[in-house]
C-alpha atoms as a PDB file:
ATOM      1  CA  MET A   1       0.000   0.000   0.000  1.00  0.00           C
ATOM      2  CA  LEU A   2       1.352   3.395  -0.985  1.00  0.00           C
ATOM      3  CA  VAL A   3       0.468   6.305   1.325  1.00  0.00           C
ATOM      4  CA  LYS A   4       1.392   9.844   0.311  1.00  0.00           C
ATOM      5  CA  ASP A   5       1.373  12.920   2.514  1.00  0.00           C
ATOM      6  CA  THR A   6      -0.333  16.036   1.208  1.00  0.00           C
ATOM      7  CA  ASP A   7       0.403  19.666   2.072  1.00  0.00           C
ATOM      8  CA  LEU A   8      -2.191  19.402   4.861  1.00  0.00           C
ATOM      9  CA  THR A   9      -1.158  17.406   7.946  1.00  0.00           C
ATOM     10  CA  GLY A  10      -3.727  14.686   8.639  1.00  0.00           C
ATOM     11  CA  LEU A  11      -4.746  14.359   5.000  1.00  0.00           C
ATOM     12  CA  LEU A  12      -3.348  11.347   3.128  1.00  0.00           C
ATOM     13  CA  LEU A  13      -3.644  10.003  -0.404  1.00  0.00           C
ATOM     14  CA  ILE A  14      -3.759   6.192  -0.365  1.00  0.00           C
ATOM     15  CA  GLU A  15      -3.142   3.735  -3.193  1.00  0.00           C
ATOM     16  CA  PRO A  16      -4.151   0.254  -2.017  1.00  0.00           C
ATOM     17  CA  PRO A  17      -2.681  -2.728  -3.882  1.00  0.00           C
ATOM     18  CA  CYS A  18      -4.867  -3.688  -6.830  1.00  0.00           C
ATOM     19  CA  PHE A  19      -4.617  -7.094  -8.488  1.00  0.00           C
ATOM     20  CA  ARG A  20      -5.731  -7.024 -12.120  1.00  0.00           C
ATOM     21  CA  ASP A  21      -6.112  -9.704 -14.745  1.00  0.00           C
ATOM     22  CA  GLU A  22      -8.285 -10.422 -17.787  1.00  0.00           C
ATOM     23  CA  ARG A  23     -11.335 -10.912 -15.515  1.00  0.00           C
ATOM     24  CA  GLY A  24     -11.095  -7.505 -13.859  1.00  0.00           C
ATOM     25  CA  PHE A  25      -9.507  -6.619 -10.527  1.00  0.00           C
ATOM     26  CA  PHE A  26      -9.528  -7.263  -6.789  1.00  0.00           C
ATOM     27  CA  LEU A  27      -8.496  -4.947  -3.971  1.00  0.00           C
ATOM     28  CA  GLU A  28      -8.939  -4.720  -0.228  1.00  0.00           C
ATOM     29  CA  SER A  29     -10.509  -1.295   0.260  1.00  0.00           C
ATOM     30  CA  PHE A  30      -9.795  -1.417   4.001  1.00  0.00           C
ATOM     31  CA  GLN A  31      -7.755  -3.650   6.275  1.00  0.00           C
ATOM     32  CA  ALA A  32      -7.404  -2.204   9.788  1.00  0.00           C
ATOM     33  CA  GLU A  33      -3.937  -3.563  10.591  1.00  0.00           C
ATOM     34  CA  ARG A  34      -2.393  -2.370   7.332  1.00  0.00           C
ATOM     35  CA  TYR A  35      -3.931   1.109   7.732  1.00  0.00           C
ATOM     36  CA  ARG A  36      -2.706   1.301  11.353  1.00  0.00           C
ATOM     37  CA  GLU A  37       0.839   0.595  10.093  1.00  0.00           C
ATOM     38  CA  HIS A  38       0.508   3.850   8.139  1.00  0.00           C
ATOM     39  CA  GLY A  39      -0.765   5.883  11.106  1.00  0.00           C
ATOM     40  CA  ILE A  40      -4.510   5.525  10.414  1.00  0.00           C
ATOM     41  CA  ALA A  41      -5.690   4.134  13.741  1.00  0.00           C
ATOM     42  CA  ASP A  42      -9.211   5.555  13.845  1.00  0.00           C
ATOM     43  CA  ASN A  43     -12.044   3.272  14.866  1.00  0.00           C
ATOM     44  CA  PHE A  44     -14.362   3.363  11.845  1.00  0.00           C
ATOM     45  CA  VAL A  45     -17.968   2.773  12.921  1.00  0.00           C
ATOM     46  CA  GLN A  46     -20.122   3.587   9.893  1.00  0.00           C
ATOM     47  CA  ASP A  47     -19.927   3.151   6.119  1.00  0.00           C
ATOM     48  CA  ASN A  48     -21.838   5.436   3.756  1.00  0.00           C
ATOM     49  CA  HIS A  49     -22.637   5.194   0.050  1.00  0.00           C
ATOM     50  CA  SER A  50     -23.533   8.223  -2.043  1.00  0.00           C
ATOM     51  CA  ARG A  51     -24.659   8.219  -5.691  1.00  0.00           C
ATOM     52  CA  SER A  52     -24.708  11.450  -7.684  1.00  0.00           C
ATOM     53  CA  ARG A  53     -24.989  12.449 -11.329  1.00  0.00           C
ATOM     54  CA  ARG A  54     -22.697  14.592 -13.483  1.00  0.00           C
ATOM     55  CA  ASN A  55     -22.088  18.150 -12.209  1.00  0.00           C
ATOM     56  CA  VAL A  56     -23.580  17.499  -8.762  1.00  0.00           C
ATOM     57  CA  LEU A  57     -21.533  19.290  -6.115  1.00  0.00           C
ATOM     58  CA  ARG A  58     -21.968  18.166  -2.507  1.00  0.00           C
ATOM     59  CA  GLY A  59     -20.465  19.996   0.433  1.00  0.00           C
ATOM     60  CA  ILE A  60     -18.613  21.327   2.165  1.00  0.00           C
ATOM     61  CA  HIS A  61     -19.898  19.165   5.073  1.00  0.00           C
ATOM     62  CA  PHE A  62     -18.566  18.341   8.543  1.00  0.00           C
ATOM     63  CA  GLN A  63     -19.739  17.476  12.046  1.00  0.00           C
ATOM     64  CA  VAL A  64     -19.224  20.306  14.532  1.00  0.00           C
ATOM     65  CA  LYS A  65     -18.868  18.705  17.994  1.00  0.00           C
ATOM     66  CA  ARG A  66     -18.048  15.164  16.890  1.00  0.00           C
ATOM     67  CA  PRO A  67     -15.632  15.553  13.951  1.00  0.00           C
ATOM     68  CA  GLN A  68     -15.166  12.431  11.856  1.00  0.00           C
ATOM     69  CA  ALA A  69     -12.124  10.802  10.326  1.00  0.00           C
ATOM     70  CA  GLN A  70     -13.069   9.626   6.831  1.00  0.00           C
ATOM     71  CA  ILE A  71     -11.738   7.398   4.074  1.00  0.00           C
ATOM     72  CA  MET A  72     -13.213   8.202   0.659  1.00  0.00           C
ATOM     73  CA  THR A  73     -13.279   5.604  -2.152  1.00  0.00           C
ATOM     74  CA  VAL A  74     -14.957   5.933  -5.551  1.00  0.00           C
ATOM     75  CA  ILE A  75     -16.707   2.670  -6.451  1.00  0.00           C
ATOM     76  CA  ARG A  76     -18.014   3.835  -9.821  1.00  0.00           C
ATOM     77  CA  GLY A  77     -17.294   6.911 -11.912  1.00  0.00           C
ATOM     78  CA  ARG A  78     -15.029   9.887 -11.357  1.00  0.00           C
ATOM     79  CA  ILE A  79     -15.112  12.782  -8.883  1.00  0.00           C
ATOM     80  CA  PHE A  80     -13.057  15.779  -7.827  1.00  0.00           C
ATOM     81  CA  ASP A  81     -12.743  15.258  -4.064  1.00  0.00           C
ATOM     82  CA  VAL A  82     -12.002  18.194  -1.744  1.00  0.00           C
ATOM     83  CA  ALA A  83     -10.973  18.456   1.900  1.00  0.00           C
ATOM     84  CA  VAL A  84     -10.795  21.790   3.748  1.00  0.00           C
ATOM     85  CA  ASP A  85      -8.820  22.122   6.978  1.00  0.00           C
ATOM     86  CA  LEU A  86     -11.301  23.351   9.606  1.00  0.00           C
ATOM     87  CA  ARG A  87      -9.142  22.705  12.679  1.00  0.00           C
ATOM     88  CA  PRO A  88      -8.919  25.881  14.766  1.00  0.00           C
ATOM     89  CA  GLY A  89      -5.291  26.642  15.514  1.00  0.00           C
ATOM     90  CA  SER A  90      -4.014  24.699  12.504  1.00  0.00           C
ATOM     91  CA  SER A  91      -1.340  26.476  10.475  1.00  0.00           C
ATOM     92  CA  THR A  92      -3.294  25.402   7.379  1.00  0.00           C
ATOM     93  CA  PHE A  93      -6.761  26.460   8.604  1.00  0.00           C
ATOM     94  CA  ALA A  94      -9.113  27.139   5.640  1.00  0.00           C
ATOM     95  CA  ARG A  95      -6.663  25.677   3.105  1.00  0.00           C
ATOM     96  CA  TRP A  96      -8.028  23.075   0.735  1.00  0.00           C
ATOM     97  CA  TYR A  97      -6.733  20.064  -1.136  1.00  0.00           C
ATOM     98  CA  GLY A  98      -8.396  18.551  -4.178  1.00  0.00           C
ATOM     99  CA  VAL A  99      -7.743  15.316  -6.028  1.00  0.00           C
ATOM    100  CA  GLU A 100      -9.468  13.326  -8.727  1.00  0.00           C
ATOM    101  CA  LEU A 101     -10.632   9.907  -7.552  1.00  0.00           C
ATOM    102  CA  SER A 102     -12.129   7.295  -9.855  1.00  0.00           C
ATOM    103  CA  ASP A 103     -12.975   3.633 -10.198  1.00  0.00           C
ATOM    104  CA  GLU A 104      -9.934   3.301 -12.468  1.00  0.00           C
ATOM    105  CA  GLY A 105      -7.451   4.474  -9.776  1.00  0.00           C
ATOM    106  CA  PRO A 106      -7.866   3.047  -7.270  1.00  0.00           C
ATOM    107  CA  ARG A 107      -6.982   5.815  -4.839  1.00  0.00           C
ATOM    108  CA  GLN A 108      -8.489   6.868  -1.537  1.00  0.00           C
ATOM    109  CA  LEU A 109      -8.417  10.079   0.447  1.00  0.00           C
ATOM    110  CA  TYR A 110      -8.034   9.857   4.234  1.00  0.00           C
ATOM    111  CA  MET A 111      -9.094  12.850   6.339  1.00  0.00           C
ATOM    112  CA  ALA A 112      -8.306  13.095  10.044  1.00  0.00           C
ATOM    113  CA  PRO A 113     -11.063  14.552  12.235  1.00  0.00           C
ATOM    114  CA  GLY A 114     -11.498  18.272  11.655  1.00  0.00           C
ATOM    115  CA  PHE A 115     -11.686  18.474   7.870  1.00  0.00           C
ATOM    116  CA  GLY A 116     -14.698  19.568   5.871  1.00  0.00           C
ATOM    117  CA  HIS A 117     -15.511  17.432   2.828  1.00  0.00           C
ATOM    118  CA  GLY A 118     -17.064  18.047  -0.555  1.00  0.00           C
ATOM    119  CA  PHE A 119     -16.923  16.680  -4.079  1.00  0.00           C
ATOM    120  CA  CYS A 120     -18.240  17.204  -7.572  1.00  0.00           C
ATOM    121  CA  VAL A 121     -19.047  14.528 -10.128  1.00  0.00           C
ATOM    122  CA  LEU A 122     -17.070  14.475 -13.386  1.00  0.00           C
ATOM    123  CA  SER A 123     -18.570  11.314 -14.935  1.00  0.00           C
ATOM    124  CA  GLU A 124     -22.168  10.512 -15.913  1.00  0.00           C
ATOM    125  CA  PHE A 125     -22.725   9.039 -12.424  1.00  0.00           C
ATOM    126  CA  ALA A 126     -20.489   8.387  -9.442  1.00  0.00           C
ATOM    127  CA  ASP A 127     -20.818   6.096  -6.450  1.00  0.00           C
ATOM    128  CA  LEU A 128     -18.756   7.208  -3.464  1.00  0.00           C
ATOM    129  CA  HIS A 129     -18.120   4.981  -0.466  1.00  0.00           C
ATOM    130  CA  TYR A 130     -16.821   6.504   2.726  1.00  0.00           C
ATOM    131  CA  LYS A 131     -15.896   5.124   6.108  1.00  0.00           C
ATOM    132  CA  VAL A 132     -16.379   7.417   9.110  1.00  0.00           C
ATOM    133  CA  SER A 133     -15.128   7.277  12.694  1.00  0.00           C
ATOM    134  CA  CYS A 134     -18.225   8.764  14.394  1.00  0.00           C
ATOM    135  CA  LEU A 135     -21.861   7.974  13.821  1.00  0.00           C
ATOM    136  CA  TYR A 136     -23.791  10.503  11.775  1.00  0.00           C
ATOM    137  CA  ALA A 137     -25.549  12.975  14.080  1.00  0.00           C
ATOM    138  CA  PRO A 138     -28.134  15.120  12.226  1.00  0.00           C
ATOM    139  CA  GLY A 139     -28.099  17.812  14.910  1.00  0.00           C
ATOM    140  CA  ASP A 140     -24.309  18.154  14.678  1.00  0.00           C
ATOM    141  CA  GLU A 141     -24.059  18.934  10.956  1.00  0.00           C
ATOM    142  CA  GLY A 142     -22.009  21.871   9.788  1.00  0.00           C
ATOM    143  CA  GLY A 143     -21.529  23.409   6.398  1.00  0.00           C
ATOM    144  CA  LEU A 144     -19.084  25.730   4.704  1.00  0.00           C
ATOM    145  CA  ILE A 145     -20.280  27.541   1.603  1.00  0.00           C
ATOM    146  CA  TRP A 146     -18.924  25.643  -1.413  1.00  0.00           C
ATOM    147  CA  ASN A 147     -17.658  28.773  -3.197  1.00  0.00           C
ATOM    148  CA  ASP A 148     -16.154  30.618  -0.219  1.00  0.00           C
ATOM    149  CA  LYS A 149     -13.863  33.288  -1.682  1.00  0.00           C
ATOM    150  CA  ASP A 150     -11.355  33.078   1.185  1.00  0.00           C
ATOM    151  CA  VAL A 151     -10.944  29.318   0.732  1.00  0.00           C
ATOM    152  CA  GLY A 152     -10.924  29.623  -3.071  1.00  0.00           C
ATOM    153  CA  ILE A 153     -11.572  26.056  -4.201  1.00  0.00           C
ATOM    154  CA  HIS A 154     -11.019  25.640  -7.944  1.00  0.00           C
ATOM    155  CA  TRP A 155     -13.924  23.361  -8.833  1.00  0.00           C
ATOM    156  CA  PRO A 156     -13.442  21.771 -12.309  1.00  0.00           C
ATOM    157  CA  ILE A 157     -17.088  22.271 -13.332  1.00  0.00           C
ATOM    158  CA  GLU A 158     -18.825  25.457 -14.465  1.00  0.00           C
ATOM    159  CA  LEU A 159     -22.503  24.985 -13.576  1.00  0.00           C
ATOM    160  CA  PRO A 160     -22.711  22.853 -10.434  1.00  0.00           C
ATOM    161  CA  ILE A 161     -25.976  21.258  -9.348  1.00  0.00           C
ATOM    162  CA  ILE A 162     -26.309  22.096  -5.658  1.00  0.00           C
ATOM    163  CA  SER A 163     -28.954  21.036  -3.156  1.00  0.00           C
ATOM    164  CA  GLY A 164     -31.138  23.663  -1.532  1.00  0.00           C
ATOM    165  CA  ARG A 165     -29.458  22.889   1.766  1.00  0.00           C
ATOM    166  CA  ASP A 166     -25.915  23.348   0.435  1.00  0.00           C
ATOM    167  CA  GLY A 167     -26.945  26.462  -1.482  1.00  0.00           C
ATOM    168  CA  ALA A 168     -28.392  28.003   1.675  1.00  0.00           C
ATOM    169  CA  VAL A 169     -25.164  27.670   3.675  1.00  0.00           C
ATOM    170  CA  ALA A 170     -24.014  31.208   4.346  1.00  0.00           C
ATOM    171  CA  ILE A 171     -21.106  30.632   6.711  1.00  0.00           C
ATOM    172  CA  SER A 172     -17.606  31.392   5.491  1.00  0.00           C
ATOM    173  CA  ALA A 173     -14.250  30.073   6.695  1.00  0.00           C
ATOM    174  CA  ALA A 174     -13.517  33.464   8.270  1.00  0.00           C
ATOM    175  CA  ARG A 175     -16.541  33.038  10.577  1.00  0.00           C
ATOM    176  CA  LEU A 176     -16.068  29.310  11.136  1.00  0.00           C
ATOM    177  CA  SER A 177     -13.018  29.413  13.428  1.00  0.00           C
ATOM    178  CA  SER A 178     -15.046  31.055  16.192  1.00  0.00           C
ATOM    179  CA  CYS A 179     -17.877  28.492  15.830  1.00  0.00           C
ATOM    180  CA  LEU A 180     -15.856  25.287  15.986  1.00  0.00           C
ATOM    181  CA  PRO A 181     -15.268  23.553  19.332  1.00  0.00           C
ATOM    182  CA  ILE A 182     -11.951  23.328  21.124  1.00  0.00           C
ATOM    183  CA  ARG A 183     -12.380  19.552  20.890  1.00  0.00           C
ATOM    184  CA  VAL A 184     -11.203  19.544  17.289  1.00  0.00           C
ATOM    185  CA  THR A 185      -7.603  18.326  17.236  1.00  0.00           C
ATOM    186  CA  ARG A 186      -5.197  21.215  16.897  1.00  0.00           C
ATOM    187  CA  PHE A 187      -2.163  20.859  14.654  1.00  0.00           C
ATOM    188  CA  VAL A 188       0.603  23.417  14.366  1.00  0.00           C
END
């Protein structure tokens, strides 16, 4: 397994071994011991599956009081996956990282607790599987506006399809640092 650091501490790009032949391929998308050997020791408690069509943009989402570690894997299609550092006190607060993930990769994106997550779909459809370290808590949802000018994400689509909920998010990264709990891990 190849694990690459990104410019944001706590954010890793993972390339699990993939065994291909004329029939297709096989890969282990998660094996706790192997991931622990690379510093990913979170206790993942829930798996989620999201399906979206071309040009759908979801995010930027996070849990406020119970931040989640996440491992993102594209099962079908192609997405531009984005993580935004929302850890108060982090030297990279409000910086973003984006990477294309697809079913051809295979690559995964690991986010330590304290990152916001969003993605847009580049293929006709995309199925995204993600493991999370805390159970989903509807009352603990947070959102960062997807086109925040201070964060400046360069989305590779021109006319995103956004849900009413995501479109109504009005909070910016500049206001977020005062809203997030101390509990979020601080990195310097």
